[in-house]
Amino acid sequence: MTSRLPVLGALGAFAVLTVSACGQGVAGQAHIPVGDGGDARPSAPATSAPAAGNAAVDPCALLGPQDRSTAGLNVLGVPKEINGARACDWTVPATFGVTITVDERNGLRDLEVARKTATKTKVGDREALKVADKKAADGTCAVLLGMGEKASVQIDVSNTNFTDTPLACERAVTVAGLAEPKLP
C-alpha cells in the first residue's frame, strides 16, 4: 500500500504554522503519511514493525557538533515525535529551521509526491528526492532519503522569512549529505 506525502501546499502551510508557534515547531516539515482520513491514506497497519536495523537511528544524533556548524545550526536539536515517527528539530531564531524525521514504515518508493515538485537525485550512494515547489517560492525544501525498502529519512528546511527556496534547498542538501553517512 502506498501513502501520500502532502508536500505541495502543506509544506508552506505547515511552515506558517511553525513560525506562528513561537519558533518552537518544525521547520517546513514535509509530512509523514498520516491516516486521518484527509487526503492521505494510512501509512501502514499499527501492528507493522520497524524495518530491521532502523530502530537504532536517532534523528538528533545524525548531526554532531561539527555537522551542525557546517550546516549553520548554532542550536541543539529538540527530539519529538511526528505521526509516530522519531524526529529532531533545530531552529535558528529569525533565520531557518531543520527537521529530520526517521520514518520506519515507508520507504522512498512508498512516498508519493507531486511530480512537478520532486527531483530524483542521489545523496552519497542513496536514492533521494529533492522536493520544492519553485512556483510557490515559499522558502521551504525537503530531501527524502531512502533507507532500505521500508524506511526513509526526511530532511525538511524552512527559511523563517518564507523566501529564497534555492537557499532552503541548498541547506537541505547540505544537511542530507552530513546525515547520510550515519544511516544504516
N, C-alpha and C. Protein backbone atom coordinates (compact mmCIF):
# COMPACT_ATOMS: atom_id res chain seq x y z
N MET A 1 0.85 -1.17 0.00
CA MET A 1 0.00 0.00 0.00
C MET A 1 0.89 1.23 0.00
N THR A 2 0.61 2.18 -0.86
CA THR A 2 1.40 3.40 -0.86
C THR A 2 0.74 4.43 0.03
N SER A 3 1.49 5.42 0.37
CA SER A 3 0.96 6.50 1.17
C SER A 3 1.34 7.80 0.48
N ARG A 4 0.66 8.83 0.84
CA ARG A 4 0.91 10.11 0.19
C ARG A 4 1.76 10.99 1.08
N LEU A 5 2.58 11.78 0.48
CA LEU A 5 3.39 12.76 1.17
C LEU A 5 2.91 14.13 0.71
N PRO A 6 2.02 14.79 1.46
CA PRO A 6 1.45 16.05 1.01
C PRO A 6 2.46 17.18 1.13
N VAL A 7 3.19 17.40 0.08
CA VAL A 7 4.26 18.36 0.13
C VAL A 7 3.86 19.71 -0.43
N LEU A 8 3.04 19.73 -1.48
CA LEU A 8 2.76 20.99 -2.17
C LEU A 8 2.35 22.11 -1.24
N GLY A 9 1.07 22.22 -0.97
CA GLY A 9 0.58 23.31 -0.13
C GLY A 9 0.87 23.08 1.33
N ALA A 10 0.93 21.82 1.74
CA ALA A 10 1.11 21.51 3.14
C ALA A 10 2.47 21.98 3.65
N LEU A 11 3.48 21.93 2.80
CA LEU A 11 4.82 22.34 3.21
C LEU A 11 4.81 23.82 3.61
N GLY A 12 4.23 24.65 2.75
CA GLY A 12 4.16 26.08 3.06
C GLY A 12 3.22 26.37 4.21
N ALA A 13 2.06 25.71 4.21
CA ALA A 13 1.11 25.94 5.29
C ALA A 13 1.67 25.53 6.63
N PHE A 14 2.36 24.40 6.65
CA PHE A 14 2.94 23.93 7.90
C PHE A 14 4.04 24.87 8.37
N ALA A 15 4.80 25.41 7.42
CA ALA A 15 5.85 26.36 7.78
C ALA A 15 5.25 27.60 8.43
N VAL A 16 4.11 28.07 7.91
CA VAL A 16 3.45 29.23 8.51
C VAL A 16 3.04 28.90 9.93
N LEU A 17 2.46 27.73 10.15
CA LEU A 17 2.08 27.32 11.50
C LEU A 17 3.30 27.20 12.40
N THR A 18 4.40 26.74 11.84
CA THR A 18 5.63 26.57 12.61
C THR A 18 6.11 27.88 13.17
N VAL A 19 6.21 28.89 12.30
CA VAL A 19 6.73 30.18 12.75
C VAL A 19 5.75 30.84 13.70
N SER A 20 4.45 30.65 13.48
CA SER A 20 3.48 31.27 14.37
C SER A 20 3.46 30.61 15.74
N ALA A 21 4.12 29.47 15.88
CA ALA A 21 4.17 28.79 17.18
C ALA A 21 5.42 29.18 17.94
N CYS A 22 5.78 30.44 17.91
CA CYS A 22 6.90 31.00 18.66
C CYS A 22 8.22 30.34 18.31
N GLY A 23 8.37 29.88 17.09
CA GLY A 23 9.64 29.30 16.66
C GLY A 23 9.94 27.96 17.28
N GLN A 24 8.98 27.35 17.95
CA GLN A 24 9.22 26.09 18.64
C GLN A 24 8.91 24.87 17.78
N GLY A 25 8.22 25.06 16.66
CA GLY A 25 7.75 23.94 15.86
C GLY A 25 8.76 23.45 14.86
N VAL A 26 8.28 22.59 13.96
CA VAL A 26 9.14 22.04 12.94
C VAL A 26 9.30 23.03 11.81
N ALA A 27 10.35 22.87 11.07
CA ALA A 27 10.69 23.81 10.03
C ALA A 27 10.31 23.26 8.67
N GLY A 28 9.21 23.72 8.13
CA GLY A 28 8.83 23.32 6.79
C GLY A 28 8.68 21.82 6.63
N GLN A 29 8.13 21.19 7.60
CA GLN A 29 8.04 19.73 7.64
C GLN A 29 7.34 19.15 6.43
N ALA A 30 8.01 18.31 5.68
CA ALA A 30 7.34 17.51 4.66
C ALA A 30 6.73 16.35 5.42
N HIS A 31 5.43 16.33 5.47
CA HIS A 31 4.72 15.44 6.38
C HIS A 31 4.94 13.97 6.08
N ILE A 32 4.99 13.20 7.13
CA ILE A 32 4.99 11.76 7.04
C ILE A 32 3.56 11.37 6.74
N PRO A 33 3.34 10.30 6.00
CA PRO A 33 1.96 9.91 5.71
C PRO A 33 1.15 9.72 6.99
N VAL A 34 -0.11 10.18 6.93
CA VAL A 34 -0.98 10.08 8.09
C VAL A 34 -2.23 9.30 7.72
N GLY A 35 -2.90 8.78 8.72
CA GLY A 35 -4.12 8.02 8.49
C GLY A 35 -5.33 8.69 9.08
N ASP A 36 -5.50 9.99 8.86
CA ASP A 36 -6.59 10.72 9.48
C ASP A 36 -7.81 10.86 8.58
N GLY A 37 -7.80 10.20 7.42
CA GLY A 37 -8.94 10.27 6.53
C GLY A 37 -8.91 11.50 5.63
N GLY A 38 -7.88 12.35 5.76
CA GLY A 38 -7.75 13.51 4.89
C GLY A 38 -7.33 13.03 3.51
N ASP A 39 -6.47 13.79 2.84
CA ASP A 39 -6.09 13.37 1.51
C ASP A 39 -4.93 12.39 1.52
N ALA A 40 -4.55 11.90 2.68
CA ALA A 40 -3.50 10.89 2.77
C ALA A 40 -4.12 9.57 3.19
N ARG A 41 -3.60 8.50 2.62
CA ARG A 41 -4.07 7.17 3.01
C ARG A 41 -3.26 6.69 4.21
N PRO A 42 -3.75 5.70 4.95
CA PRO A 42 -3.00 5.20 6.09
C PRO A 42 -1.62 4.74 5.66
N SER A 43 -0.63 5.02 6.50
CA SER A 43 0.74 4.68 6.13
C SER A 43 1.02 3.20 6.26
N ALA A 44 0.56 2.57 7.29
CA ALA A 44 0.79 1.14 7.49
C ALA A 44 -0.07 0.69 8.65
N PRO A 45 -0.37 -0.57 8.73
CA PRO A 45 -1.12 -1.05 9.88
C PRO A 45 -0.35 -0.77 11.17
N ALA A 46 -1.08 -0.51 12.23
CA ALA A 46 -0.44 -0.18 13.50
C ALA A 46 0.43 -1.31 14.01
N THR A 47 0.21 -2.51 13.52
CA THR A 47 0.98 -3.64 14.01
C THR A 47 2.27 -3.84 13.24
N SER A 48 2.52 -3.06 12.20
CA SER A 48 3.75 -3.27 11.44
C SER A 48 4.96 -2.87 12.28
N ALA A 49 5.98 -3.66 12.18
CA ALA A 49 7.19 -3.41 12.96
C ALA A 49 8.15 -2.55 12.17
N PRO A 50 9.03 -1.79 12.85
CA PRO A 50 10.03 -1.01 12.15
C PRO A 50 10.94 -1.92 11.33
N ALA A 51 11.46 -1.35 10.25
CA ALA A 51 12.40 -2.11 9.43
C ALA A 51 13.63 -2.46 10.26
N ALA A 52 14.14 -3.65 10.05
CA ALA A 52 15.30 -4.13 10.83
C ALA A 52 16.48 -3.18 10.68
N GLY A 53 17.13 -2.88 11.77
CA GLY A 53 18.32 -2.04 11.75
C GLY A 53 18.03 -0.56 11.82
N ASN A 54 16.80 -0.14 11.59
CA ASN A 54 16.48 1.28 11.58
C ASN A 54 16.02 1.79 12.94
N ALA A 55 15.65 0.89 13.83
CA ALA A 55 15.15 1.30 15.14
C ALA A 55 16.21 2.05 15.94
N ALA A 56 17.47 1.83 15.63
CA ALA A 56 18.55 2.48 16.38
C ALA A 56 18.87 3.88 15.84
N VAL A 57 18.25 4.30 14.75
CA VAL A 57 18.57 5.60 14.16
C VAL A 57 17.91 6.70 14.98
N ASP A 58 18.74 7.48 15.64
CA ASP A 58 18.28 8.62 16.43
C ASP A 58 18.44 9.87 15.57
N PRO A 59 17.35 10.52 15.16
CA PRO A 59 17.48 11.67 14.27
C PRO A 59 18.33 12.80 14.85
N CYS A 60 18.33 12.98 16.17
CA CYS A 60 19.14 14.04 16.77
C CYS A 60 20.64 13.72 16.71
N ALA A 61 20.97 12.42 16.64
CA ALA A 61 22.38 12.02 16.59
C ALA A 61 22.95 12.08 15.17
N LEU A 62 22.10 12.36 14.20
CA LEU A 62 22.57 12.40 12.81
C LEU A 62 23.39 13.65 12.51
N LEU A 63 23.32 14.66 13.37
CA LEU A 63 24.13 15.87 13.21
C LEU A 63 24.93 16.12 14.48
N GLY A 64 26.22 15.80 14.42
CA GLY A 64 27.11 16.07 15.54
C GLY A 64 27.48 17.55 15.58
N PRO A 65 28.28 17.96 16.55
CA PRO A 65 28.66 19.38 16.68
C PRO A 65 29.31 19.95 15.41
N GLN A 66 30.22 19.22 14.80
CA GLN A 66 30.87 19.72 13.58
C GLN A 66 29.87 19.80 12.43
N ASP A 67 28.98 18.81 12.34
CA ASP A 67 27.95 18.82 11.30
C ASP A 67 27.04 20.03 11.46
N ARG A 68 26.62 20.29 12.70
CA ARG A 68 25.75 21.44 12.94
C ARG A 68 26.44 22.74 12.55
N SER A 69 27.71 22.84 12.87
CA SER A 69 28.47 24.03 12.50
C SER A 69 28.53 24.18 10.98
N THR A 70 28.81 23.09 10.28
CA THR A 70 28.86 23.12 8.82
C THR A 70 27.51 23.53 8.22
N ALA A 71 26.42 23.09 8.84
CA ALA A 71 25.08 23.39 8.34
C ALA A 71 24.56 24.76 8.79
N GLY A 72 25.32 25.46 9.62
CA GLY A 72 24.88 26.76 10.11
C GLY A 72 23.89 26.68 11.25
N LEU A 73 23.88 25.54 11.95
CA LEU A 73 22.97 25.36 13.08
C LEU A 73 23.74 25.59 14.38
N ASN A 74 23.46 26.68 15.04
CA ASN A 74 24.15 27.00 16.29
C ASN A 74 23.31 26.66 17.51
N VAL A 75 22.36 25.75 17.33
CA VAL A 75 21.47 25.33 18.42
C VAL A 75 21.46 23.80 18.49
N LEU A 76 21.07 23.27 19.63
CA LEU A 76 20.92 21.83 19.78
C LEU A 76 19.57 21.39 19.24
N GLY A 77 19.51 20.15 18.79
CA GLY A 77 18.24 19.60 18.30
C GLY A 77 17.31 19.26 19.44
N VAL A 78 16.02 19.34 19.16
CA VAL A 78 14.99 19.01 20.14
C VAL A 78 14.25 17.77 19.62
N PRO A 79 14.35 16.64 20.36
CA PRO A 79 13.66 15.43 19.92
C PRO A 79 12.15 15.59 20.02
N LYS A 80 11.45 14.97 19.08
CA LYS A 80 9.99 14.98 19.12
C LYS A 80 9.48 13.80 18.32
N GLU A 81 8.20 13.63 18.30
CA GLU A 81 7.55 12.57 17.53
C GLU A 81 6.56 13.22 16.58
N ILE A 82 6.57 12.79 15.32
CA ILE A 82 5.64 13.30 14.32
C ILE A 82 4.92 12.11 13.71
N ASN A 83 3.64 12.01 13.95
CA ASN A 83 2.84 10.90 13.44
C ASN A 83 3.46 9.54 13.74
N GLY A 84 3.96 9.36 14.93
CA GLY A 84 4.53 8.08 15.34
C GLY A 84 5.96 7.86 14.91
N ALA A 85 6.57 8.82 14.26
CA ALA A 85 7.96 8.69 13.81
C ALA A 85 8.86 9.60 14.65
N ARG A 86 10.08 9.12 14.90
CA ARG A 86 11.05 9.93 15.64
C ARG A 86 11.54 11.08 14.76
N ALA A 87 11.66 12.26 15.36
CA ALA A 87 12.11 13.44 14.63
C ALA A 87 12.97 14.29 15.55
N CYS A 88 13.70 15.21 14.94
CA CYS A 88 14.51 16.15 15.70
C CYS A 88 14.45 17.50 14.99
N ASP A 89 14.24 18.56 15.77
CA ASP A 89 14.15 19.92 15.23
C ASP A 89 15.33 20.77 15.69
N TRP A 90 15.86 21.53 14.76
CA TRP A 90 16.85 22.56 15.06
C TRP A 90 16.27 23.85 14.51
N THR A 91 16.05 24.85 15.37
CA THR A 91 15.50 26.12 14.93
C THR A 91 16.47 27.23 15.29
N VAL A 92 17.00 27.90 14.26
CA VAL A 92 17.87 29.05 14.45
C VAL A 92 16.95 30.27 14.39
N PRO A 93 16.72 30.94 15.54
CA PRO A 93 15.76 32.04 15.57
C PRO A 93 16.02 33.08 14.48
N ALA A 94 14.93 33.50 13.84
CA ALA A 94 14.94 34.54 12.82
C ALA A 94 15.77 34.18 11.59
N THR A 95 16.10 32.89 11.40
CA THR A 95 16.90 32.51 10.24
C THR A 95 16.27 31.34 9.50
N PHE A 96 16.37 30.13 10.06
CA PHE A 96 15.81 28.94 9.42
C PHE A 96 15.72 27.82 10.42
N GLY A 97 15.04 26.76 10.01
CA GLY A 97 14.93 25.57 10.85
C GLY A 97 15.09 24.32 10.01
N VAL A 98 15.50 23.25 10.66
CA VAL A 98 15.68 21.94 10.03
C VAL A 98 14.96 20.91 10.89
N THR A 99 14.26 19.99 10.24
CA THR A 99 13.68 18.85 10.92
C THR A 99 14.14 17.60 10.19
N ILE A 100 14.64 16.63 10.95
CA ILE A 100 14.98 15.33 10.39
C ILE A 100 14.01 14.33 11.01
N THR A 101 13.32 13.58 10.14
CA THR A 101 12.35 12.59 10.58
C THR A 101 12.76 11.22 10.07
N VAL A 102 12.75 10.21 10.95
CA VAL A 102 13.05 8.84 10.57
C VAL A 102 11.71 8.10 10.48
N ASP A 103 11.33 7.73 9.26
CA ASP A 103 10.08 7.02 9.01
C ASP A 103 10.41 5.55 8.80
N GLU A 104 10.07 4.71 9.76
CA GLU A 104 10.43 3.29 9.73
C GLU A 104 9.40 2.43 9.01
N ARG A 105 8.33 3.02 8.48
CA ARG A 105 7.28 2.24 7.82
C ARG A 105 7.15 2.53 6.33
N ASN A 106 7.76 3.59 5.84
CA ASN A 106 7.59 3.99 4.45
C ASN A 106 8.92 4.23 3.78
N GLY A 107 9.23 3.37 2.81
CA GLY A 107 10.43 3.56 2.02
C GLY A 107 10.23 4.69 1.02
N LEU A 108 11.30 5.08 0.37
CA LEU A 108 11.25 6.17 -0.58
C LEU A 108 10.21 5.92 -1.66
N ARG A 109 10.09 4.70 -2.12
CA ARG A 109 9.12 4.37 -3.17
C ARG A 109 7.67 4.40 -2.66
N ASP A 110 7.47 4.30 -1.35
CA ASP A 110 6.13 4.34 -0.77
C ASP A 110 5.60 5.76 -0.64
N LEU A 111 6.48 6.73 -0.68
CA LEU A 111 6.09 8.12 -0.50
C LEU A 111 5.67 8.70 -1.85
N GLU A 112 4.51 9.29 -1.87
CA GLU A 112 4.03 9.92 -3.10
C GLU A 112 4.16 11.42 -2.97
N VAL A 113 4.83 11.99 -3.95
CA VAL A 113 4.97 13.44 -4.01
C VAL A 113 4.55 13.88 -5.40
N ALA A 114 4.12 15.10 -5.52
CA ALA A 114 3.73 15.63 -6.83
C ALA A 114 4.97 15.67 -7.72
N ARG A 115 4.84 15.11 -8.90
CA ARG A 115 5.99 15.03 -9.82
C ARG A 115 6.58 16.39 -10.13
N LYS A 116 5.75 17.41 -10.19
CA LYS A 116 6.27 18.73 -10.55
C LYS A 116 7.11 19.36 -9.44
N THR A 117 7.05 18.80 -8.23
CA THR A 117 7.85 19.36 -7.14
C THR A 117 9.05 18.51 -6.78
N ALA A 118 9.12 17.27 -7.29
CA ALA A 118 10.18 16.34 -6.88
C ALA A 118 11.20 16.14 -7.99
N THR A 119 12.46 16.08 -7.58
CA THR A 119 13.56 15.80 -8.49
C THR A 119 14.33 14.62 -7.94
N LYS A 120 14.49 13.56 -8.76
CA LYS A 120 15.30 12.42 -8.32
C LYS A 120 16.75 12.85 -8.26
N THR A 121 17.42 12.37 -7.22
CA THR A 121 18.84 12.70 -7.03
C THR A 121 19.49 11.58 -6.24
N LYS A 122 20.73 11.75 -5.93
CA LYS A 122 21.45 10.82 -5.06
C LYS A 122 22.15 11.64 -3.99
N VAL A 123 22.20 11.07 -2.80
CA VAL A 123 22.98 11.65 -1.72
C VAL A 123 23.90 10.53 -1.27
N GLY A 124 25.19 10.70 -1.47
CA GLY A 124 26.11 9.58 -1.30
C GLY A 124 25.74 8.54 -2.34
N ASP A 125 25.55 7.30 -1.93
CA ASP A 125 25.12 6.24 -2.84
C ASP A 125 23.63 5.95 -2.72
N ARG A 126 22.89 6.79 -1.99
CA ARG A 126 21.47 6.55 -1.73
C ARG A 126 20.58 7.27 -2.71
N GLU A 127 19.48 6.57 -3.08
CA GLU A 127 18.44 7.23 -3.85
C GLU A 127 17.81 8.30 -2.96
N ALA A 128 17.44 9.41 -3.59
CA ALA A 128 16.84 10.50 -2.84
C ALA A 128 15.92 11.29 -3.76
N LEU A 129 15.06 12.07 -3.13
CA LEU A 129 14.21 13.02 -3.84
C LEU A 129 14.42 14.39 -3.20
N LYS A 130 14.57 15.39 -4.04
CA LYS A 130 14.59 16.77 -3.55
C LYS A 130 13.22 17.34 -3.90
N VAL A 131 12.52 17.87 -2.90
CA VAL A 131 11.15 18.32 -3.08
C VAL A 131 11.04 19.79 -2.73
N ALA A 132 10.64 20.59 -3.73
CA ALA A 132 10.43 22.02 -3.51
C ALA A 132 9.46 22.53 -4.56
N ASP A 133 8.54 23.36 -4.15
CA ASP A 133 7.61 23.97 -5.08
C ASP A 133 8.18 25.32 -5.49
N LYS A 134 8.88 25.32 -6.63
CA LYS A 134 9.56 26.54 -7.08
C LYS A 134 8.57 27.65 -7.38
N LYS A 135 7.36 27.30 -7.85
CA LYS A 135 6.36 28.33 -8.13
C LYS A 135 5.90 29.01 -6.86
N ALA A 136 5.77 28.25 -5.78
CA ALA A 136 5.33 28.84 -4.52
C ALA A 136 6.39 29.76 -3.94
N ALA A 137 7.67 29.45 -4.21
CA ALA A 137 8.79 30.26 -3.72
C ALA A 137 8.59 30.62 -2.25
N ASP A 138 8.32 29.57 -1.43
CA ASP A 138 7.98 29.81 -0.02
C ASP A 138 9.13 29.56 0.94
N GLY A 139 10.34 29.38 0.42
CA GLY A 139 11.50 29.20 1.30
C GLY A 139 11.54 27.87 2.01
N THR A 140 10.88 26.84 1.43
CA THR A 140 10.91 25.51 2.03
C THR A 140 11.44 24.51 1.02
N CYS A 141 12.09 23.46 1.53
CA CYS A 141 12.63 22.41 0.69
C CYS A 141 12.83 21.17 1.54
N ALA A 142 12.70 20.00 0.92
CA ALA A 142 12.91 18.74 1.62
C ALA A 142 13.79 17.83 0.78
N VAL A 143 14.62 17.05 1.45
CA VAL A 143 15.36 15.97 0.80
C VAL A 143 14.93 14.69 1.50
N LEU A 144 14.43 13.74 0.71
CA LEU A 144 13.94 12.47 1.22
C LEU A 144 14.93 11.40 0.83
N LEU A 145 15.48 10.70 1.81
CA LEU A 145 16.50 9.67 1.58
C LEU A 145 15.90 8.29 1.78
N GLY A 146 16.18 7.39 0.86
CA GLY A 146 15.78 6.01 1.05
C GLY A 146 16.68 5.36 2.09
N MET A 147 16.09 4.51 2.92
CA MET A 147 16.85 3.78 3.93
C MET A 147 16.32 2.34 3.91
N GLY A 148 16.73 1.59 2.90
CA GLY A 148 16.20 0.26 2.70
C GLY A 148 14.88 0.34 1.97
N GLU A 149 14.18 -0.79 1.89
CA GLU A 149 12.92 -0.86 1.17
C GLU A 149 11.75 -0.24 1.92
N LYS A 150 11.78 -0.30 3.24
CA LYS A 150 10.61 0.11 4.03
C LYS A 150 10.90 1.20 5.04
N ALA A 151 11.89 2.04 4.76
CA ALA A 151 12.17 3.14 5.68
C ALA A 151 12.75 4.31 4.89
N SER A 152 12.62 5.49 5.45
CA SER A 152 13.17 6.68 4.81
C SER A 152 13.51 7.72 5.88
N VAL A 153 14.33 8.67 5.48
CA VAL A 153 14.69 9.79 6.33
C VAL A 153 14.32 11.05 5.57
N GLN A 154 13.64 11.95 6.25
CA GLN A 154 13.16 13.17 5.62
C GLN A 154 13.83 14.37 6.27
N ILE A 155 14.50 15.17 5.45
CA ILE A 155 15.17 16.38 5.93
C ILE A 155 14.40 17.56 5.37
N ASP A 156 13.80 18.34 6.26
CA ASP A 156 12.98 19.47 5.86
C ASP A 156 13.63 20.76 6.34
N VAL A 157 13.66 21.75 5.45
CA VAL A 157 14.23 23.05 5.79
C VAL A 157 13.22 24.13 5.46
N SER A 158 13.10 25.10 6.34
CA SER A 158 12.23 26.25 6.11
C SER A 158 12.96 27.51 6.53
N ASN A 159 13.05 28.46 5.60
CA ASN A 159 13.61 29.76 5.94
C ASN A 159 12.54 30.56 6.67
N THR A 160 12.92 31.23 7.72
CA THR A 160 11.98 31.94 8.57
C THR A 160 11.19 33.00 7.81
N ASN A 161 11.82 33.65 6.82
CA ASN A 161 11.13 34.72 6.10
C ASN A 161 10.31 34.21 4.91
N PHE A 162 10.24 32.88 4.74
CA PHE A 162 9.46 32.24 3.67
C PHE A 162 9.85 32.71 2.28
N THR A 163 11.12 33.00 2.09
CA THR A 163 11.64 33.36 0.78
C THR A 163 12.90 32.55 0.52
N ASP A 164 13.37 32.63 -0.70
CA ASP A 164 14.62 32.01 -1.13
C ASP A 164 14.59 30.49 -1.04
N THR A 165 13.71 29.90 -1.84
CA THR A 165 13.62 28.45 -1.91
C THR A 165 14.95 27.81 -2.32
N PRO A 166 15.71 28.39 -3.27
CA PRO A 166 17.02 27.79 -3.60
C PRO A 166 17.95 27.69 -2.39
N LEU A 167 17.93 28.69 -1.51
CA LEU A 167 18.75 28.62 -0.30
C LEU A 167 18.26 27.51 0.62
N ALA A 168 16.93 27.36 0.76
CA ALA A 168 16.38 26.28 1.58
C ALA A 168 16.83 24.93 1.02
N CYS A 169 16.82 24.78 -0.30
CA CYS A 169 17.26 23.52 -0.92
C CYS A 169 18.75 23.30 -0.72
N GLU A 170 19.54 24.35 -0.82
CA GLU A 170 20.98 24.23 -0.57
C GLU A 170 21.23 23.73 0.86
N ARG A 171 20.49 24.29 1.79
CA ARG A 171 20.63 23.87 3.19
C ARG A 171 20.18 22.42 3.38
N ALA A 172 19.06 22.04 2.75
CA ALA A 172 18.55 20.67 2.88
C ALA A 172 19.54 19.66 2.29
N VAL A 173 20.12 19.98 1.15
CA VAL A 173 21.10 19.09 0.52
C VAL A 173 22.35 18.97 1.40
N THR A 174 22.78 20.08 2.00
CA THR A 174 23.94 20.05 2.89
C THR A 174 23.67 19.14 4.08
N VAL A 175 22.53 19.32 4.73
CA VAL A 175 22.19 18.50 5.90
C VAL A 175 22.06 17.03 5.50
N ALA A 176 21.44 16.76 4.36
CA ALA A 176 21.31 15.38 3.88
C ALA A 176 22.69 14.75 3.68
N GLY A 177 23.61 15.49 3.11
CA GLY A 177 24.96 14.99 2.90
C GLY A 177 25.70 14.71 4.19
N LEU A 178 25.40 15.48 5.23
CA LEU A 178 26.04 15.28 6.53
C LEU A 178 25.42 14.08 7.27
N ALA A 179 24.11 13.89 7.12
CA ALA A 179 23.41 12.82 7.83
C ALA A 179 23.56 11.47 7.15
N GLU A 180 23.62 11.44 5.83
CA GLU A 180 23.58 10.20 5.06
C GLU A 180 24.64 9.17 5.47
N PRO A 181 25.89 9.54 5.71
CA PRO A 181 26.88 8.51 6.08
C PRO A 181 26.58 7.81 7.41
N LYS A 182 25.73 8.38 8.23
CA LYS A 182 25.42 7.80 9.54
C LYS A 182 24.22 6.84 9.48
N LEU A 183 23.61 6.72 8.32
CA LEU A 183 22.42 5.87 8.17
C LEU A 183 22.83 4.43 7.88
N PRO A 184 22.02 3.45 8.37
CA PRO A 184 22.34 2.05 8.08
C PRO A 184 22.12 1.72 6.60
